[in-house]
């Protein structure tokens, strides 16, 4: 039984890097797309987006950001009173286009 558990654990460890690879590749692709769009003037930079949104979220802690290269939308994440708030921002205009949470 112990030997079987050891072998199972080893198999899981070998599979973990393979499972994570597509996620890392997608993140690199999104970053490259965002960089090219920013360089070409088709997209506002993250710092510009943050300067427009973070000050409006009084009392909330800024957690981080996701970027969707397919839509050009930044999703800024905040935490207030134990509730996560997502703010969607159009990367081309800087306008808030959606919000969930309080």
Protein backbone atom coordinates (compact mmCIF):
# COMPACT_ATOMS: atom_id res chain seq x y z
CA UNK A 1 0.00 0.00 0.00
CA UNK A 2 2.76 2.41 0.93
CA UNK A 3 4.61 1.67 -2.30
CA UNK A 4 1.44 2.33 -4.31
CA UNK A 5 0.98 5.72 -2.61
CA UNK A 6 4.61 6.63 -3.32
CA UNK A 7 4.22 5.75 -7.00
CA UNK A 8 0.95 7.68 -7.24
CA UNK A 9 2.57 10.74 -5.65
CA UNK A 10 5.48 10.54 -8.07
CA UNK A 11 3.11 10.38 -11.03
CA UNK A 12 1.23 13.43 -9.78
CA UNK A 13 4.45 15.38 -9.40
CA UNK A 14 5.52 14.51 -12.94
CA UNK A 15 2.14 15.59 -14.37
CA UNK A 16 1.92 18.92 -12.54
CA UNK A 17 4.40 20.90 -14.71
CA UNK A 18 2.73 19.59 -17.87
CA UNK A 19 -0.70 20.71 -16.70
CA UNK A 20 0.53 24.21 -15.85
CA UNK A 21 2.35 24.80 -19.16
CA UNK A 22 -0.72 25.86 -21.23
CA UNK A 23 -1.72 28.40 -18.57
CA UNK A 24 1.76 29.93 -18.56
CA UNK A 25 1.83 30.02 -22.37
CA UNK A 26 -1.53 31.84 -22.43
CA UNK A 27 -0.34 34.37 -19.87
CA UNK A 28 2.81 35.06 -21.90
CA UNK A 29 0.67 35.44 -25.03
CA UNK A 30 -1.64 37.92 -23.27
CA UNK A 31 1.33 39.92 -22.04
CA UNK A 32 2.92 40.00 -25.49
CA UNK A 33 -0.38 41.08 -27.06
CA UNK A 34 -0.87 43.83 -24.47
CA UNK A 35 2.70 45.06 -24.93
CA UNK A 36 2.35 45.24 -28.73
CA UNK A 37 -1.02 47.02 -28.50
CA UNK A 38 0.38 49.51 -25.97
CA UNK A 39 3.46 50.14 -28.11
CA UNK A 40 1.27 50.74 -31.18
CA UNK A 41 -1.04 53.13 -29.31
CA UNK A 42 -4.07 50.85 -29.52
CA UNK A 43 -4.23 50.22 -25.79
CA UNK A 44 -3.70 52.25 -22.64
CA UNK A 45 -1.01 51.05 -20.27
CA UNK A 46 -1.87 49.38 -16.99
CA UNK A 47 -0.54 52.31 -14.94
CA UNK A 48 -2.88 54.70 -16.78
CA UNK A 49 -5.83 52.39 -16.14
CA UNK A 50 -4.89 52.08 -12.45
CA UNK A 51 -4.54 55.87 -12.07
CA UNK A 52 -8.11 56.28 -13.29
CA UNK A 53 -9.74 53.51 -11.24
CA UNK A 54 -7.86 52.83 -8.00
CA UNK A 55 -8.54 56.28 -6.44
CA UNK A 56 -12.29 55.79 -6.97
CA UNK A 57 -12.31 52.63 -4.86
CA UNK A 58 -12.11 54.25 -1.43
CA UNK A 59 -11.88 51.79 1.43
CA UNK A 60 -10.95 48.90 -0.85
CA UNK A 61 -7.61 47.14 -1.10
CA UNK A 62 -6.27 46.78 -4.65
CA UNK A 63 -5.44 43.09 -5.19
CA UNK A 64 -4.33 42.91 -8.80
CA UNK A 65 -5.31 42.80 -12.44
CA UNK A 66 -6.13 40.41 -15.26
CA UNK A 67 -6.02 41.28 -18.95
CA UNK A 68 -8.06 39.66 -21.71
CA UNK A 69 -6.15 40.06 -24.96
CA UNK A 70 -9.17 38.96 -26.98
CA UNK A 71 -11.35 41.85 -25.81
CA UNK A 72 -8.73 44.36 -24.64
CA UNK A 73 -10.40 44.51 -21.21
CA UNK A 74 -8.52 44.95 -17.96
CA UNK A 75 -10.22 43.49 -14.87
CA UNK A 76 -9.00 45.16 -11.69
CA UNK A 77 -9.67 43.27 -8.46
CA UNK A 78 -10.32 44.88 -5.09
CA UNK A 79 -11.20 43.63 -1.61
CA UNK A 80 -13.54 45.53 0.71
CA UNK A 81 -15.06 44.12 3.91
CA UNK A 82 -14.23 40.57 2.83
CA UNK A 83 -15.96 40.96 -0.54
CA UNK A 84 -14.07 40.81 -3.85
CA UNK A 85 -14.99 43.55 -6.32
CA UNK A 86 -14.13 43.24 -10.01
CA UNK A 87 -13.99 46.37 -12.16
CA UNK A 88 -13.85 45.87 -15.93
CA UNK A 89 -12.15 48.64 -17.88
CA UNK A 90 -11.95 49.11 -21.65
CA UNK A 91 -8.24 49.13 -22.42
CA UNK A 92 -8.68 51.42 -25.41
CA UNK A 93 -10.65 54.22 -23.73
CA UNK A 94 -10.02 53.71 -20.02
CA UNK A 95 -13.79 53.73 -19.37
CA UNK A 96 -15.26 51.46 -16.70
CA UNK A 97 -17.56 49.07 -18.57
CA UNK A 98 -18.64 46.77 -15.75
CA UNK A 99 -18.45 46.09 -12.06
CA UNK A 100 -19.41 43.25 -9.76
CA UNK A 101 -19.47 43.32 -5.99
CA UNK A 102 -20.19 46.25 -3.69
